[in-house]
Amino acid sequence: MHFLCPTHRNALLSEPAETITATWFDWMASAGSHYELRRWREAIPYVGCAFDLLAAALREGIVDPRLGVTKVTLSGIYLAESFTQYGEHEKARFALGCTVRRLAPAMDGPAAQWAQQCLQTLVDTRQHGAFFRRFMNLPFDEPPLQRAVLH
C-alpha cells in the first residue's frame, strides 16, 4: 500500500526532519478535517501520504526512532479507521498489517520497548481510540460494531 510516488517521497525525505514531521502533521490535520465532515474517501489519501512519509523517514533513520514509531502508529491507526468508516474493512486490516510491518525493524533499535507497546496497541483495536486521542486532537469515531480486527 503506497500513497506517495517514489519521486515525491524521495524529495520529501531530502528535507530536514522538522519539515518532514510538519508535513506529516499538516496531512494528518487535512485528513482530520475531511474525517470530521465524514468524508472518509477524501481523508484517506492525506492520512495515507502521512503514513508513507513517516514510515520512510523512520526506515531511513531521518527522524528520532521513538517519534517515528509514534507517528507511524498514529497514522496507521487513522488510516485503518478511515478505511473502516468508509466501509473498506479489508483495506483497514491491510493498513494495520502494513503498519505492523513498518514498525517491525524498530524492534531491534533504540525505541524497541516503545515499538513493542505500539505493536500491541495496533493488534488490539480496542486500544486505538485511547492511543490516538492521547497524542492527537483530531476527530476519531469508534462505532463498536464497525471495528477492524487484525488477525
Protein backbone atom coordinates (compact mmCIF):
# COMPACT_ATOMS: atom_id res chain seq x y z
CA MET A 1 0.00 0.00 0.00
CA HIS A 2 1.63 3.20 -1.21
CA PHE A 3 0.19 6.68 -1.41
CA LEU A 4 3.31 8.68 -2.24
CA CYS A 5 5.06 8.11 -5.53
CA PRO A 6 8.82 7.46 -5.24
CA THR A 7 9.70 10.86 -6.71
CA HIS A 8 7.67 12.80 -4.12
CA ARG A 9 8.72 10.52 -1.28
CA ASN A 10 12.41 10.99 -2.13
CA ALA A 11 12.01 14.75 -2.49
CA LEU A 12 10.32 14.97 0.90
CA LEU A 13 12.93 12.72 2.53
CA SER A 14 15.65 15.15 1.43
CA GLU A 15 14.09 17.79 3.69
CA PRO A 16 15.13 18.29 7.35
CA ALA A 17 13.40 16.11 9.95
CA GLU A 18 11.45 19.11 11.25
CA THR A 19 9.99 19.74 7.79
CA ILE A 20 9.07 16.07 7.42
CA THR A 21 7.23 16.00 10.74
CA ALA A 22 5.50 19.33 9.93
CA THR A 23 4.34 17.90 6.59
CA TRP A 24 3.13 14.77 8.38
CA PHE A 25 1.12 16.89 10.79
CA ASP A 26 -0.34 19.04 8.00
CA TRP A 27 -1.51 15.93 6.16
CA MET A 28 -2.97 14.41 9.34
CA ALA A 29 -4.81 17.69 10.03
CA SER A 30 -6.16 17.73 6.47
CA ALA A 31 -7.32 14.14 6.90
CA GLY A 32 -8.94 15.13 10.18
CA SER A 33 -10.84 17.96 8.51
CA HIS A 34 -12.32 15.54 5.98
CA TYR A 35 -12.89 12.90 8.64
CA GLU A 36 -14.84 15.33 10.79
CA LEU A 37 -17.13 16.02 7.82
CA ARG A 38 -17.50 12.25 7.36
CA ARG A 39 -15.74 12.46 4.01
CA TRP A 40 -13.56 9.44 4.66
CA ARG A 41 -12.78 8.87 0.99
CA GLU A 42 -11.16 12.30 0.89
CA ALA A 43 -9.36 11.74 4.22
CA ILE A 44 -7.69 8.50 3.10
CA PRO A 45 -5.13 9.99 0.65
CA TYR A 46 -3.96 12.56 3.21
CA VAL A 47 -3.52 10.10 6.03
CA GLY A 48 -2.04 7.55 3.62
CA CYS A 49 0.60 10.05 2.48
CA ALA A 50 1.33 10.93 6.11
CA PHE A 51 1.79 7.23 6.86
CA ASP A 52 4.06 6.66 3.85
CA LEU A 53 6.20 9.68 4.67
CA LEU A 54 6.84 8.84 8.31
CA ALA A 55 7.31 5.13 7.63
CA ALA A 56 10.02 6.01 5.08
CA ALA A 57 11.61 8.59 7.40
CA LEU A 58 11.69 6.03 10.22
CA ARG A 59 13.19 3.38 7.93
CA GLU A 60 15.86 5.80 6.70
CA GLY A 61 16.73 6.96 10.22
CA ILE A 62 15.79 10.57 9.43
CA VAL A 63 13.52 11.06 12.44
CA ASP A 64 14.05 10.18 16.07
CA PRO A 65 13.12 6.48 16.43
CA ARG A 66 10.59 6.96 19.23
CA LEU A 67 8.96 9.90 17.47
CA GLY A 68 8.89 7.96 14.20
CA VAL A 69 7.36 4.88 15.82
CA THR A 70 4.70 7.04 17.45
CA LYS A 71 3.78 8.88 14.25
CA VAL A 72 3.74 5.72 12.12
CA THR A 73 1.44 4.12 14.70
CA LEU A 74 -0.85 7.16 14.81
CA SER A 75 -1.13 7.47 11.05
CA GLY A 76 -1.58 3.70 10.67
CA ILE A 77 -4.43 3.74 13.17
CA TYR A 78 -6.05 6.75 11.49
CA LEU A 79 -5.67 5.18 8.06
CA ALA A 80 -7.29 1.94 9.22
CA GLU A 81 -10.06 3.86 10.97
CA SER A 82 -10.71 5.96 7.86
CA PHE A 83 -10.95 2.80 5.73
CA THR A 84 -13.28 1.24 8.32
CA GLN A 85 -15.54 4.28 8.36
CA TYR A 86 -15.59 4.23 4.55
CA GLY A 87 -16.68 0.59 4.64
CA GLU A 88 -13.41 -0.86 3.32
CA HIS A 89 -12.80 -3.36 6.13
CA GLU A 90 -10.28 -5.46 4.21
CA LYS A 91 -8.22 -2.38 3.40
CA ALA A 92 -8.42 -1.37 7.07
CA ARG A 93 -6.96 -4.74 8.10
CA PHE A 94 -4.34 -4.45 5.39
CA ALA A 95 -3.38 -0.95 6.63
CA LEU A 96 -2.92 -2.31 10.15
CA GLY A 97 -0.78 -5.14 8.79
CA CYS A 98 1.34 -2.64 6.84
CA THR A 99 1.79 -0.60 10.00
CA VAL A 100 2.97 -3.65 11.92
CA ARG A 101 5.48 -4.44 9.15
CA ARG A 102 6.78 -0.86 9.12
CA LEU A 103 7.34 -0.96 12.88
CA ALA A 104 8.99 -4.38 12.97
CA PRO A 105 12.54 -3.08 12.21
CA ALA A 106 12.28 -0.71 15.19
CA MET A 107 12.14 -3.77 17.45
CA ASP A 108 15.93 -4.02 17.16
CA GLY A 109 16.71 -0.36 17.75
CA PRO A 110 16.78 2.25 20.50
CA ALA A 111 12.97 2.55 20.58
CA ALA A 112 12.39 -1.22 20.85
CA GLN A 113 10.41 -1.11 24.08
CA TRP A 114 8.13 1.65 22.79
CA ALA A 115 7.77 -0.10 19.42
CA GLN A 116 6.63 -3.25 21.26
CA GLN A 117 3.96 -1.25 23.11
CA CYS A 118 2.82 0.33 19.84
CA LEU A 119 2.64 -3.08 18.16
CA GLN A 120 0.47 -4.38 21.00
CA THR A 121 -1.81 -1.36 20.58
CA LEU A 122 -2.09 -1.98 16.83
CA VAL A 123 -3.10 -5.60 17.34
CA ASP A 124 -5.71 -4.76 19.99
CA THR A 125 -8.01 -2.47 18.04
CA ARG A 126 -9.96 -1.64 21.22
CA GLN A 127 -6.96 0.47 22.26
CA HIS A 128 -6.84 2.53 19.06
CA GLY A 129 -9.11 5.36 20.16
CA ALA A 130 -7.42 5.95 23.52
CA PHE A 131 -3.95 5.78 21.97
CA PHE A 132 -4.90 8.15 19.17
CA ARG A 133 -6.55 10.69 21.50
CA ARG A 134 -3.52 10.57 23.81
CA PHE A 135 -1.37 12.15 21.07
CA MET A 136 -3.73 13.83 18.61
CA ASN A 137 -6.58 16.30 18.83
CA LEU A 138 -8.33 15.12 15.68
CA PRO A 139 -11.77 13.55 15.22
CA PHE A 140 -11.90 9.80 15.81
CA ASP A 141 -15.11 7.72 15.88
CA GLU A 142 -15.34 4.29 17.37
CA PRO A 143 -18.58 2.56 16.49
CA PRO A 144 -18.08 -0.79 18.25
CA LEU A 145 -19.72 -2.91 15.57
CA GLN A 146 -17.57 -1.50 12.74
CA ARG A 147 -14.08 -2.01 14.21
CA ALA A 148 -11.46 -3.67 12.01
CA VAL A 149 -9.75 -6.64 13.61
CA LEU A 150 -6.19 -7.66 12.81
CA HIS A 151 -5.61 -11.43 12.79
